[in-house]
Amino acid sequence: AGTLTEEDIDKVVLRLIRFAYENIVREIEGVTFDIEKHNTIARKAAEGGAVLLKNDGILPISKKQSIAVIGKLAKKIRYQGGGSSHILPTKLTSFTDALDKVGQPYEYADGYVLKGEGYKKSLINKAVKAAKGKDVVLLFIGLTDAFESEGYDRRHIKMPSSHVTLINEILKVNKNVVVVLSCGSPVEIGDWDKSVKGILNLYLGGQAGGEAAYNLLYGKVNPSGKLAETFPVHEDDYLGSKYFRMGPRTVEYREGIYVGYRYYDSAKKRVKYPFGYGLSYTQFEYSNLRISANAINEGDPLTVTFTVKNVGKVAGAEIAQLYVSDVESTLYRPEKELKGFKKVFLQPGEEKDVEITLDSRAFAYYNVEIKDWHVESGDFKILVGASSRDIKLEGIVNVTSKNPDAPIPDYKAAAPCYYDIANATEIPVAQFEALYGAKMIENRPYEKGELLANNTIGQCRVSPFGKFMYNLCVGVVNLVALSSENPEMLTNSVKDMPYRTIAAWSMGFISKRSLDGLVDMLNGRKGGFRRFLKGFGKEKEEKNEKK
């Protein structure tokens, strides 16, 4: 925390003014951009980011095969996140648009609606009918805006129930199912992945996501994306999930450094798809690991070289990953950590050397005792692989610290669970407090008399006036949301909105004095309404006088 001088603020404002002026000049000078060129960039980004999770030989599809395209997300593409990030693209191509463009025949069915759980029996029946007798069923499912959006956290990692029901019903009449996932984060897949023959994770594919899906499914582009997160078997497999739904006063990140693959790999948890995982229409072979030195001093670079060969029949790209593992450390550390990666493009039979250089930070951890990054002397494993769970090559290097006498935090006695995370079934609050260095605040509900401007509209229901304001705000938003594509986002955003935000959005009508009066009213203090009225509009008047 700190303060800003008026000169500091002037510098920022001048940069904004300069930026606005330069853009106006560009408009005046008639600067344009190539819409098709930018769309090509969007398509290539979507193609490169999609991850092939399963392929039992069903992909790529032949144009001669008959297909059923099922799922509203195939026609109404989810190309971006929900909320204020929404933009209007210059072009927008869904998967069915892409099929229509090339004249590829298909039979389409919605399968579900995009609101709530999406279940509608008549739509499922039509989808099942469309799937019968087709060579391949392309089933587009995932997370809708109602399940994943700005303004509120996901309550679980499941997909809408109608999507899972749809998969199971389709599999009863056709086993040649390829699932195309549209979601911005991991989902709980369940057991249906054992029955479908292919899964392509398209994520949120952007404006050209439909074209990208077509090119990937039909083999015009070879999938090369890798997962940037772990897909767990079950949500509860992650120890941190026990502490996610906390509040109302604090949320305790008890998991510490054990986030994502750093937890799953350290805890030896079975996962559905590991970090860094992704298939291709070809196969790659790793060999010939070379490390530039067996021992280095902190500060010296370390170059790791290895060979990747395309041993399949089609051209493709592989993202090779380099992990570092501290063999023995005083402070608890993850089993391994990603420290570098490179994407290499290879023709069939072609091989290339891949070179990744590590600096000292690759071996360091943040030492709270010295308030700086620190390397502890010792051996480190150099691990090269296709994912965090598919290590192909292994070497070792010894690193000598430039600060060997630095005090190293040791929590073995006070917080032993962090040193044996594989056997931990909980993270006791006392051990987290030892790590955090302070006692946790009691997470009891707020009471009338202690509410502040930072409290949310939902938290303030503990007082009669707070309950009135909650019902008023939610009621108004529900009316507005009737015409919205994502009413859940609007409603939940209001519930979690701090009262100070109301003042910020009031265009100066609700001044600081009015906000203080509003808080007094929430707490049942006398004179709050009078203070609210006296301050109403004052900030706007003062701004107008200055002008």
Protein backbone atom coordinates (compact mmCIF):
# COMPACT_ATOMS: atom_id res chain seq x y z
CA ALA A 1 0.00 0.00 0.00
CA GLY A 2 1.12 3.58 -0.59
CA THR A 3 0.16 7.01 -1.82
CA LEU A 4 0.24 8.71 -5.19
CA THR A 5 1.23 12.31 -5.72
CA GLU A 6 -0.63 14.64 -8.06
CA GLU A 7 2.42 14.49 -10.35
CA ASP A 8 2.12 10.68 -10.51
CA ILE A 9 -1.53 10.94 -11.50
CA ASP A 10 -0.72 13.62 -14.08
CA LYS A 11 1.73 11.24 -15.77
CA VAL A 12 -0.94 8.56 -16.09
CA VAL A 13 -3.56 10.99 -17.36
CA LEU A 14 -1.15 12.43 -19.93
CA ARG A 15 -0.44 8.95 -21.25
CA LEU A 16 -4.18 8.35 -21.67
CA ILE A 17 -4.66 11.68 -23.42
CA ARG A 18 -1.75 10.94 -25.74
CA PHE A 19 -3.15 7.49 -26.51
CA ALA A 20 -6.61 8.92 -27.28
CA TYR A 21 -5.13 11.65 -29.47
CA GLU A 22 -3.00 9.22 -31.45
CA ASN A 23 -6.00 7.00 -32.12
CA ILE A 24 -8.09 9.98 -33.27
CA VAL A 25 -5.28 10.90 -35.66
CA ARG A 26 -5.33 7.39 -37.07
CA GLU A 27 -9.06 7.61 -37.65
CA ILE A 28 -8.70 10.96 -39.37
CA GLU A 29 -5.95 9.63 -41.58
CA GLY A 30 -8.20 6.77 -42.62
CA VAL A 31 -6.16 3.93 -41.16
CA THR A 32 -7.93 0.63 -41.84
CA PHE A 33 -7.26 -3.02 -41.14
CA ASP A 34 -7.73 -6.23 -43.11
CA ILE A 35 -10.77 -7.99 -41.64
CA GLU A 36 -10.02 -11.29 -43.38
CA LYS A 37 -6.39 -11.23 -42.29
CA HIS A 38 -7.42 -10.66 -38.67
CA ASN A 39 -10.01 -13.44 -38.96
CA THR A 40 -7.27 -15.77 -40.18
CA ILE A 41 -5.22 -14.90 -37.11
CA ALA A 42 -8.24 -15.67 -34.90
CA ARG A 43 -8.76 -19.01 -36.68
CA LYS A 44 -5.12 -20.05 -36.31
CA ALA A 45 -5.20 -19.14 -32.62
CA ALA A 46 -8.28 -21.31 -32.10
CA GLU A 47 -6.73 -24.18 -34.06
CA GLY A 48 -3.52 -24.01 -32.05
CA GLY A 49 -5.29 -23.78 -28.71
CA ALA A 50 -7.75 -26.65 -29.15
CA VAL A 51 -6.79 -29.87 -27.36
CA LEU A 52 -7.52 -33.38 -28.64
CA LEU A 53 -8.33 -35.37 -25.49
CA LYS A 54 -9.33 -38.70 -27.01
CA ASN A 55 -9.23 -40.37 -30.41
CA ASP A 56 -10.03 -44.03 -30.92
CA GLY A 57 -9.31 -43.75 -34.64
CA ILE A 58 -12.53 -41.93 -35.47
CA LEU A 59 -10.74 -38.66 -36.29
CA PRO A 60 -10.14 -37.05 -38.66
CA ILE A 61 -13.53 -37.40 -40.35
CA SER A 62 -13.85 -38.04 -44.07
CA LYS A 63 -16.06 -35.76 -46.15
CA LYS A 64 -17.73 -38.91 -47.48
CA GLN A 65 -19.05 -39.88 -44.05
CA SER A 66 -22.59 -38.95 -43.06
CA ILE A 67 -22.74 -36.82 -39.93
CA ALA A 68 -25.23 -35.59 -37.37
CA VAL A 69 -24.37 -32.30 -35.68
CA ILE A 70 -26.04 -32.11 -32.30
CA GLY A 71 -25.95 -29.37 -29.69
CA LYS A 72 -26.99 -25.72 -29.68
CA LEU A 73 -23.34 -24.72 -29.16
CA ALA A 74 -22.60 -25.94 -32.70
CA LYS A 75 -24.92 -23.30 -34.13
CA LYS A 76 -24.73 -20.57 -31.49
CA ILE A 77 -21.01 -20.63 -30.82
CA ARG A 78 -19.75 -19.67 -27.36
CA TYR A 79 -16.81 -17.67 -28.61
CA GLN A 80 -15.99 -15.53 -25.55
CA GLY A 81 -16.54 -15.24 -21.82
CA GLY A 82 -19.69 -13.84 -20.29
CA GLY A 83 -20.04 -10.33 -18.91
CA SER A 84 -18.30 -7.04 -19.63
CA SER A 85 -15.72 -8.82 -21.79
CA HIS A 86 -18.35 -9.22 -24.51
CA ILE A 87 -17.41 -7.63 -27.81
CA LEU A 88 -18.98 -7.66 -31.25
CA PRO A 89 -16.57 -9.36 -33.67
CA THR A 90 -16.18 -8.28 -37.28
CA LYS A 91 -17.02 -11.85 -38.28
CA LEU A 92 -18.51 -14.75 -36.36
CA THR A 93 -18.50 -18.30 -37.71
CA SER A 94 -20.19 -21.20 -35.96
CA PHE A 95 -19.49 -24.83 -36.79
CA THR A 96 -22.69 -25.15 -38.82
CA ASP A 97 -21.73 -21.93 -40.66
CA ALA A 98 -18.41 -23.54 -41.57
CA LEU A 99 -20.16 -26.68 -42.84
CA ASP A 100 -22.59 -24.60 -44.91
CA LYS A 101 -19.73 -22.61 -46.41
CA VAL A 102 -18.04 -25.72 -47.84
CA GLY A 103 -21.29 -27.46 -48.72
CA GLN A 104 -20.82 -30.36 -46.31
CA PRO A 105 -24.14 -32.21 -45.77
CA TYR A 106 -25.28 -32.78 -42.19
CA GLU A 107 -28.38 -33.27 -40.07
CA TYR A 108 -28.72 -30.87 -37.16
CA ALA A 109 -30.58 -30.97 -33.84
CA ASP A 110 -30.46 -28.54 -30.90
CA GLY A 111 -30.45 -31.18 -28.17
CA TYR A 112 -30.86 -28.60 -25.37
CA VAL A 113 -31.55 -24.95 -24.66
CA LEU A 114 -28.93 -22.51 -23.40
CA LYS A 115 -30.69 -21.41 -20.21
CA GLY A 116 -30.48 -23.13 -16.83
CA GLU A 117 -29.78 -26.86 -16.96
CA GLY A 118 -30.96 -26.79 -20.58
CA TYR A 119 -33.21 -29.86 -20.39
CA LYS A 120 -36.04 -30.25 -22.85
CA LYS A 121 -37.20 -33.77 -23.57
CA SER A 122 -38.54 -33.01 -27.05
CA LEU A 123 -35.14 -31.66 -28.11
CA ILE A 124 -33.37 -34.76 -26.82
CA ASN A 125 -35.82 -36.97 -28.73
CA LYS A 126 -35.12 -35.07 -31.95
CA ALA A 127 -31.39 -35.34 -31.36
CA VAL A 128 -31.60 -39.11 -30.86
CA LYS A 129 -33.57 -39.43 -34.10
CA ALA A 130 -30.96 -37.39 -35.99
CA ALA A 131 -28.11 -39.54 -34.61
CA LYS A 132 -29.55 -42.86 -35.78
CA GLY A 133 -27.73 -44.42 -38.73
CA LYS A 134 -25.08 -41.71 -39.13
CA ASP A 135 -21.43 -42.61 -39.66
CA VAL A 136 -20.37 -40.05 -37.08
CA VAL A 137 -22.21 -37.97 -34.47
CA LEU A 138 -20.58 -34.65 -33.60
CA LEU A 139 -21.91 -33.65 -30.20
CA PHE A 140 -21.26 -30.06 -29.09
CA ILE A 141 -21.60 -29.63 -25.34
CA GLY A 142 -19.87 -27.76 -22.53
CA LEU A 143 -20.51 -24.78 -20.28
CA THR A 144 -23.10 -22.16 -21.09
CA ASP A 145 -22.90 -18.53 -19.93
CA ALA A 146 -25.18 -19.42 -17.02
CA PHE A 147 -22.57 -21.87 -15.71
CA GLU A 148 -19.44 -19.82 -16.33
CA SER A 149 -19.40 -16.06 -16.36
CA GLU A 150 -18.10 -12.85 -14.92
CA GLY A 151 -19.66 -11.63 -11.68
CA TYR A 152 -19.85 -14.89 -9.73
CA ASP A 153 -17.88 -18.04 -9.03
CA ARG A 154 -18.78 -21.47 -10.32
CA ARG A 155 -20.44 -23.50 -7.57
CA HIS A 156 -19.15 -26.77 -9.03
CA ILE A 157 -17.32 -28.02 -12.13
CA LYS A 158 -20.17 -30.04 -13.62
CA MET A 159 -21.71 -29.35 -17.01
CA PRO A 160 -25.46 -28.71 -17.39
CA SER A 161 -27.28 -31.97 -16.60
CA SER A 162 -29.03 -31.94 -19.99
CA HIS A 163 -25.68 -32.22 -21.76
CA VAL A 164 -24.77 -35.38 -19.86
CA THR A 165 -28.23 -36.82 -20.42
CA LEU A 166 -27.91 -36.06 -24.13
CA ILE A 167 -24.61 -37.95 -24.38
CA ASN A 168 -26.02 -41.03 -22.71
CA GLU A 169 -29.16 -41.04 -24.87
CA ILE A 170 -27.18 -40.61 -28.10
CA LEU A 171 -24.82 -43.45 -27.16
CA LYS A 172 -27.81 -45.80 -26.93
CA VAL A 173 -28.40 -45.45 -30.68
CA ASN A 174 -24.92 -44.66 -32.06
CA LYS A 175 -21.47 -45.47 -30.64
CA ASN A 176 -19.53 -43.34 -33.14
CA VAL A 177 -19.72 -40.19 -31.07
CA VAL A 178 -17.19 -37.34 -31.08
CA VAL A 179 -17.69 -34.79 -28.29
CA VAL A 180 -16.64 -31.20 -28.92
CA LEU A 181 -16.28 -29.29 -25.65
CA SER A 182 -16.88 -25.55 -25.45
CA CYS A 183 -15.79 -24.33 -22.02
CA GLY A 184 -13.37 -21.83 -20.59
CA SER A 185 -12.19 -24.06 -17.74
CA PRO A 186 -12.12 -27.73 -16.68
CA VAL A 187 -15.31 -29.72 -16.28
CA GLU A 188 -16.14 -32.96 -14.52
CA ILE A 189 -16.47 -35.46 -17.33
CA GLY A 190 -17.65 -38.56 -15.47
CA ASP A 191 -17.60 -41.97 -17.15
CA TRP A 192 -19.03 -41.09 -20.54
CA ASP A 193 -15.55 -40.48 -21.95
CA LYS A 194 -15.01 -44.27 -21.89
CA SER A 195 -17.90 -44.74 -24.33
CA VAL A 196 -17.38 -41.93 -26.85
CA LYS A 197 -14.71 -42.39 -29.52
CA GLY A 198 -13.31 -38.89 -29.64
CA ILE A 199 -13.14 -35.70 -27.56
CA LEU A 200 -11.94 -32.32 -28.85
CA ASN A 201 -11.68 -29.53 -26.29
CA LEU A 202 -12.27 -26.34 -28.27
CA TYR A 203 -12.34 -24.09 -25.19
CA LEU A 204 -13.91 -20.71 -26.14
CA GLY A 205 -12.69 -20.55 -29.71
CA GLY A 206 -13.16 -16.91 -30.58
CA GLN A 207 -14.83 -15.47 -33.66
CA ALA A 208 -13.41 -18.13 -36.00
CA GLY A 209 -13.99 -21.03 -33.63
CA GLY A 210 -16.40 -22.74 -35.99
CA GLU A 211 -13.89 -22.72 -38.86
CA ALA A 212 -11.20 -24.01 -36.52
CA ALA A 213 -13.43 -26.87 -35.35
CA TYR A 214 -14.13 -27.85 -38.95
CA ASN A 215 -10.45 -27.82 -39.92
CA LEU A 216 -9.46 -29.87 -36.87
CA LEU A 217 -12.25 -32.45 -37.11
CA TYR A 218 -11.74 -32.97 -40.85
CA GLY A 219 -7.95 -33.14 -40.66
CA LYS A 220 -7.12 -29.96 -42.52
CA VAL A 221 -5.21 -28.98 -39.37
CA ASN A 222 -3.50 -31.41 -36.99
CA PRO A 223 -4.40 -30.74 -33.33
CA SER A 224 -1.40 -29.57 -31.29
CA GLY A 225 -2.80 -27.85 -28.20
CA LYS A 226 -1.95 -28.94 -24.66
CA LEU A 227 -3.99 -28.52 -21.48
CA ALA A 228 -3.01 -25.50 -19.39
CA GLU A 229 -4.79 -27.04 -16.39
CA THR A 230 -5.64 -30.45 -14.97
CA PHE A 231 -9.00 -32.10 -15.59
CA PRO A 232 -9.74 -33.95 -12.32
CA VAL A 233 -11.81 -37.11 -12.07
CA HIS A 234 -13.99 -35.50 -9.41
CA GLU A 235 -14.10 -31.97 -8.00
CA ASP A 236 -13.50 -33.30 -4.48
CA ASP A 237 -10.23 -34.93 -5.55
CA TYR A 238 -8.66 -31.51 -5.09
CA LEU A 239 -7.89 -30.91 -1.43
CA GLY A 240 -8.37 -27.15 -1.86
CA SER A 241 -12.02 -27.68 -2.81
CA LYS A 242 -12.79 -28.18 0.88
CA TYR A 243 -11.92 -24.54 1.53
CA PHE A 244 -13.24 -22.91 -1.61
CA ARG A 245 -16.77 -22.18 -0.42
CA MET A 246 -15.79 -20.02 2.52
CA GLY A 247 -16.80 -16.62 3.76
CA PRO A 248 -18.47 -14.33 4.41
CA ARG A 249 -15.48 -12.61 6.01
CA THR A 250 -12.49 -14.40 4.51
CA VAL A 251 -11.53 -17.07 2.02
CA GLU A 252 -8.52 -19.06 3.17
CA TYR A 253 -6.22 -20.34 0.45
CA ARG A 254 -5.03 -23.20 2.62
CA GLU A 255 -3.65 -25.14 -0.34
CA GLY A 256 -0.78 -22.66 -0.63
CA ILE A 257 1.51 -23.65 -3.50
CA TYR A 258 -0.41 -26.85 -4.20
CA VAL A 259 -2.51 -25.49 -7.05
CA GLY A 260 -3.40 -27.50 -10.16
CA TYR A 261 -0.81 -30.04 -11.28
CA ARG A 262 1.48 -28.97 -8.40
CA TYR A 263 -1.10 -30.59 -6.12
CA TYR A 264 -2.31 -33.52 -8.23
CA ASP A 265 1.20 -34.68 -9.12
CA SER A 266 2.61 -34.13 -5.62
CA ALA A 267 -0.36 -35.93 -4.06
CA LYS A 268 -0.20 -38.76 -6.63
CA LYS A 269 -3.88 -38.25 -7.43
CA ARG A 270 -5.50 -40.04 -10.35
CA VAL A 271 -6.72 -37.46 -12.87
CA LYS A 272 -8.88 -37.56 -15.97
CA TYR A 273 -6.45 -35.57 -18.14
CA PRO A 274 -3.16 -34.20 -16.76
CA PHE A 275 -1.59 -30.78 -17.14
CA GLY A 276 0.20 -30.41 -20.48
CA TYR A 277 -1.73 -33.30 -22.08
CA GLY A 278 -2.88 -33.25 -25.68
CA LEU A 279 -3.05 -35.75 -28.55
CA SER A 280 -2.21 -35.43 -32.24
CA TYR A 281 -3.03 -37.24 -35.47
CA THR A 282 0.63 -38.31 -35.48
CA GLN A 283 3.10 -39.59 -32.87
CA PHE A 284 6.34 -38.15 -31.50
CA GLU A 285 9.47 -39.71 -30.07
CA TYR A 286 11.83 -38.04 -27.58
CA SER A 287 15.53 -38.91 -27.33
CA ASN A 288 19.13 -37.77 -26.79
CA LEU A 289 18.87 -35.57 -23.69
CA ARG A 290 21.89 -33.29 -23.28
CA ILE A 291 22.48 -30.97 -20.32
CA SER A 292 25.16 -28.29 -20.72
CA ALA A 293 26.71 -28.99 -17.32
CA ASN A 294 26.50 -31.54 -14.52
CA ALA A 295 26.97 -28.80 -11.91
CA ILE A 296 26.46 -25.04 -11.99
CA ASN A 297 26.61 -22.07 -9.67
CA GLU A 298 23.49 -20.00 -9.05
CA GLY A 299 23.48 -17.32 -11.71
CA ASP A 300 24.89 -19.58 -14.43
CA PRO A 301 22.51 -20.48 -17.27
CA LEU A 302 21.77 -24.13 -17.95
CA THR A 303 20.95 -25.26 -21.49
CA VAL A 304 18.86 -28.39 -21.97
CA THR A 305 18.80 -29.96 -25.44
CA PHE A 306 16.87 -32.99 -26.68
CA THR A 307 15.57 -34.43 -29.94
CA VAL A 308 11.93 -34.77 -30.97
CA LYS A 309 11.01 -36.91 -33.99
CA ASN A 310 7.73 -37.27 -35.85
CA VAL A 311 7.34 -41.04 -36.17
CA GLY A 312 3.83 -40.88 -37.61
CA LYS A 313 2.45 -40.49 -41.12
CA VAL A 314 1.25 -36.86 -41.12
CA ALA A 315 2.85 -33.51 -40.35
CA GLY A 316 2.23 -32.16 -36.88
CA ALA A 317 3.46 -30.05 -33.99
CA GLU A 318 4.50 -31.12 -30.52
CA ILE A 319 4.77 -28.92 -27.42
CA ALA A 320 7.71 -30.33 -25.47
CA GLN A 321 7.73 -29.43 -21.78
CA LEU A 322 10.62 -29.08 -19.32
CA TYR A 323 9.99 -29.58 -15.60
CA VAL A 324 12.36 -29.14 -12.67
CA SER A 325 12.17 -31.18 -9.48
CA ASP A 326 14.11 -30.41 -6.28
CA VAL A 327 15.47 -33.78 -5.10
CA GLU A 328 15.70 -32.77 -1.44
CA SER A 329 14.65 -29.44 0.05
CA THR A 330 14.28 -27.99 3.52
CA LEU A 331 11.11 -26.14 2.61
CA TYR A 332 8.22 -28.13 1.13
CA ARG A 333 7.99 -27.85 -2.66
CA PRO A 334 5.85 -29.40 -5.43
CA GLU A 335 7.00 -32.68 -6.95
CA LYS A 336 7.82 -30.84 -10.17
CA GLU A 337 7.28 -27.42 -11.75
CA LEU A 338 7.08 -26.40 -15.39
CA LYS A 339 10.04 -24.16 -16.24
CA GLY A 340 10.03 -24.09 -20.04
CA PHE A 341 8.34 -25.37 -23.18
CA LYS A 342 8.71 -25.16 -26.94
CA LYS A 343 6.51 -25.98 -29.89
CA VAL A 344 8.23 -27.78 -32.74
CA PHE A 345 6.71 -28.43 -36.21
CA LEU A 346 7.76 -31.66 -37.91
CA GLN A 347 7.07 -33.41 -41.20
CA PRO A 348 6.66 -37.23 -41.14
CA GLY A 349 10.02 -38.78 -40.31
CA GLU A 350 11.60 -35.42 -39.53
CA GLU A 351 13.47 -34.78 -36.30
CA LYS A 352 14.72 -31.58 -34.68
CA ASP A 353 16.77 -30.60 -31.68
CA VAL A 354 14.87 -28.56 -29.11
CA GLU A 355 16.85 -26.23 -26.87
CA ILE A 356 15.58 -24.62 -23.67
CA THR A 357 17.76 -22.44 -21.43
CA LEU A 358 17.05 -22.19 -17.71
CA ASP A 359 18.11 -19.33 -15.47
CA SER A 360 18.48 -19.39 -11.69
CA ARG A 361 14.78 -18.71 -11.09
CA ALA A 362 14.06 -22.19 -12.46
CA PHE A 363 15.57 -23.63 -9.27
CA ALA A 364 14.46 -20.96 -6.80
CA TYR A 365 11.64 -20.56 -4.32
CA TYR A 366 10.48 -17.40 -2.57
CA ASN A 367 12.09 -17.23 0.86
CA VAL A 368 9.94 -15.23 3.27
CA GLU A 369 12.83 -14.98 5.73
CA ILE A 370 15.03 -12.98 3.36
CA LYS A 371 12.10 -11.58 1.32
CA ASP A 372 13.70 -12.66 -1.94
CA TRP A 373 14.05 -15.61 -4.29
CA HIS A 374 16.51 -18.18 -3.00
CA VAL A 375 18.20 -21.29 -4.39
CA GLU A 376 19.03 -24.04 -1.92
CA SER A 377 22.16 -25.96 -2.87
CA GLY A 378 21.56 -29.51 -4.05
CA ASP A 379 20.52 -31.79 -6.89
CA PHE A 380 17.66 -30.98 -9.23
CA LYS A 381 16.01 -33.38 -11.69
CA ILE A 382 15.63 -32.15 -15.27
CA LEU A 383 12.45 -33.74 -16.66
CA VAL A 384 11.38 -33.53 -20.31
CA GLY A 385 7.99 -34.79 -21.39
CA ALA A 386 4.75 -34.53 -23.33
CA SER A 387 2.77 -33.70 -20.17
CA SER A 388 3.32 -33.52 -16.42
CA ARG A 389 2.42 -37.23 -16.24
CA ASP A 390 4.30 -38.34 -19.37
CA ILE A 391 7.99 -37.74 -18.71
CA LYS A 392 10.13 -39.06 -21.56
CA LEU A 393 13.67 -38.03 -20.56
CA GLU A 394 15.36 -37.42 -17.23
CA GLY A 395 18.67 -35.93 -16.14
CA ILE A 396 20.15 -34.26 -13.08
CA VAL A 397 22.15 -31.14 -12.26
CA ASN A 398 23.74 -29.92 -9.06
CA VAL A 399 23.25 -26.23 -8.24
CA THR A 400 25.36 -24.34 -5.71
CA SER A 401 23.62 -21.44 -3.97
CA LYS A 402 25.19 -17.99 -3.91
CA ASN A 403 23.57 -17.50 -0.51
CA PRO A 404 24.10 -20.85 1.28
CA ASP A 405 23.83 -19.37 4.77
CA ALA A 406 20.42 -17.81 4.24
CA PRO A 407 17.85 -18.89 6.85
CA ILE A 408 15.33 -21.29 5.31
CA PRO A 409 11.77 -21.50 6.67
CA ASP A 410 11.08 -24.90 8.18
CA TYR A 411 7.47 -25.72 9.03
CA LYS A 412 7.89 -29.49 9.54
CA ALA A 413 6.84 -29.30 13.17
CA ALA A 414 4.18 -26.58 12.94
CA ALA A 415 2.63 -27.50 9.57
CA PRO A 416 3.56 -31.10 8.73
CA CYS A 417 0.70 -31.68 6.28
CA TYR A 418 2.42 -29.50 3.67
CA TYR A 419 5.40 -31.89 3.70
CA ASP A 420 3.23 -34.98 3.21
CA ILE A 421 0.50 -33.65 0.94
CA ALA A 422 -0.05 -37.09 -0.63
CA ASN A 423 -1.46 -38.39 2.67
CA ALA A 424 -3.20 -35.19 3.77
CA THR A 425 -6.99 -35.40 3.99
CA GLU A 426 -7.32 -31.91 5.38
CA ILE A 427 -5.27 -28.79 6.11
CA PRO A 428 -5.97 -27.95 9.76
CA VAL A 429 -6.48 -24.29 10.47
CA ALA A 430 -3.71 -24.32 13.10
CA GLN A 431 -1.19 -25.50 10.50
CA PHE A 432 -2.37 -22.91 7.99
CA GLU A 433 -2.05 -20.21 10.66
CA ALA A 434 1.54 -21.32 11.33
CA LEU A 435 2.27 -20.95 7.64
CA TYR A 436 0.37 -17.66 7.27
CA GLY A 437 1.85 -16.17 10.40
CA ALA A 438 -1.40 -14.94 11.95
CA LYS A 439 -4.66 -16.16 13.43
CA MET A 440 -7.63 -16.57 11.11
CA ILE A 441 -10.67 -14.35 11.50
CA GLU A 442 -13.76 -16.16 12.70
CA ASN A 443 -15.96 -16.66 9.66
CA ARG A 444 -19.22 -15.80 11.36
CA PRO A 445 -22.03 -14.03 9.50
CA TYR A 446 -22.13 -10.23 9.61
CA GLU A 447 -24.52 -8.64 12.06
CA LYS A 448 -26.44 -5.39 12.07
CA GLY A 449 -24.20 -2.71 13.53
CA GLU A 450 -20.97 -3.85 11.88
CA LEU A 451 -21.83 -3.41 8.20
CA LEU A 452 -19.53 -1.25 6.05
CA ALA A 453 -19.55 0.16 2.52
CA ASN A 454 -17.41 -2.80 1.44
CA ASN A 455 -20.11 -5.28 2.43
CA THR A 456 -22.14 -6.70 -0.42
CA ILE A 457 -25.83 -6.26 -1.04
CA GLY A 458 -26.28 -9.96 -0.24
CA GLN A 459 -24.39 -9.74 3.07
CA CYS A 460 -26.47 -6.80 4.28
CA ARG A 461 -29.72 -8.77 4.43
CA VAL A 462 -29.13 -9.17 8.19
CA SER A 463 -30.84 -5.83 8.83
CA PRO A 464 -34.44 -4.91 7.91
CA PHE A 465 -33.32 -2.07 5.64
CA GLY A 466 -30.63 -4.28 4.13
CA LYS A 467 -33.24 -6.92 3.35
CA PHE A 468 -35.44 -4.28 1.75
CA MET A 469 -32.53 -3.03 -0.40
CA TYR A 470 -31.62 -6.57 -1.38
CA ASN A 471 -35.15 -7.38 -2.55
CA LEU A 472 -35.39 -4.04 -4.36
CA CYS A 473 -32.06 -4.40 -6.19
CA VAL A 474 -32.55 -8.06 -7.11
CA GLY A 475 -36.13 -7.43 -8.18
CA VAL A 476 -35.15 -4.56 -10.49
CA VAL A 477 -32.30 -6.57 -11.99
CA ASN A 478 -34.54 -9.59 -12.52
CA LEU A 479 -36.88 -7.40 -14.57
CA VAL A 480 -33.99 -6.09 -16.64
CA ALA A 481 -32.59 -9.62 -16.99
CA LEU A 482 -35.75 -10.91 -18.65
CA SER A 483 -34.38 -9.74 -22.00
CA SER A 484 -30.80 -10.77 -21.23
CA GLU A 485 -29.03 -13.82 -22.64
CA ASN A 486 -27.35 -14.33 -19.27
CA PRO A 487 -29.77 -13.33 -16.48
CA GLU A 488 -27.83 -15.38 -13.91
CA MET A 489 -24.77 -13.15 -14.36
CA LEU A 490 -26.75 -9.97 -13.75
CA THR A 491 -28.58 -11.30 -10.70
CA ASN A 492 -25.52 -12.84 -9.06
CA SER A 493 -23.38 -9.80 -9.80
CA VAL A 494 -25.82 -7.58 -7.92
CA LYS A 495 -25.92 -9.93 -4.92
CA ASP A 496 -22.12 -9.79 -4.68
CA MET A 497 -21.82 -6.05 -5.35
CA PRO A 498 -20.40 -3.90 -2.51
CA TYR A 499 -22.48 -0.88 -1.54
CA ARG A 500 -19.56 1.41 -2.42
CA THR A 501 -20.01 0.31 -6.05
CA ILE A 502 -23.51 1.82 -6.07
CA ALA A 503 -21.93 5.19 -5.25
CA ALA A 504 -19.25 4.71 -7.90
CA TRP A 505 -21.90 4.00 -10.54
CA SER A 506 -24.19 6.88 -9.53
CA MET A 507 -22.40 9.48 -11.69
CA GLY A 508 -21.76 11.60 -8.60
CA PHE A 509 -25.33 11.65 -7.28
CA ILE A 510 -24.47 9.44 -4.29
CA SER A 511 -21.62 11.26 -2.57
CA LYS A 512 -19.35 9.96 0.18
CA ARG A 513 -21.70 11.58 2.73
CA SER A 514 -24.71 9.87 1.16
CA LEU A 515 -22.89 6.54 1.18
CA ASP A 516 -22.08 6.97 4.87
CA GLY A 517 -25.75 7.72 5.50
CA LEU A 518 -26.75 4.60 3.56
CA VAL A 519 -24.39 2.50 5.69
CA ASP A 520 -25.91 4.04 8.84
CA MET A 521 -29.36 3.05 7.59
CA LEU A 522 -28.17 -0.53 6.98
CA ASN A 523 -26.93 -0.66 10.56
CA GLY A 524 -30.12 0.84 11.97
CA ARG A 525 -28.44 4.02 13.24
CA LYS A 526 -30.48 7.14 13.75
CA GLY A 527 -29.96 10.03 11.35
CA GLY A 528 -28.77 7.85 8.50
CA PHE A 529 -31.59 8.83 6.15
CA ARG A 530 -31.00 12.53 6.87
CA ARG A 531 -27.28 12.19 6.12
CA PHE A 532 -28.11 10.31 2.94
CA LEU A 533 -30.40 13.14 1.72
CA LYS A 534 -27.99 15.93 2.68
CA GLY A 535 -25.19 14.37 0.69
CA PHE A 536 -27.31 13.38 -2.30
CA GLY A 537 -26.03 15.04 -5.46
CA LYS A 538 -23.38 17.09 -3.64
CA GLU A 539 -20.45 15.41 -5.37
CA LYS A 540 -21.99 16.09 -8.77
CA GLU A 541 -22.62 19.74 -7.85
CA GLU A 542 -19.02 20.18 -6.70
CA LYS A 543 -17.71 18.71 -9.96
CA ASN A 544 -19.92 21.05 -12.00
CA GLU A 545 -18.71 24.08 -9.99
CA LYS A 546 -15.08 23.14 -10.69
CA LYS A 547 -15.83 22.98 -14.41
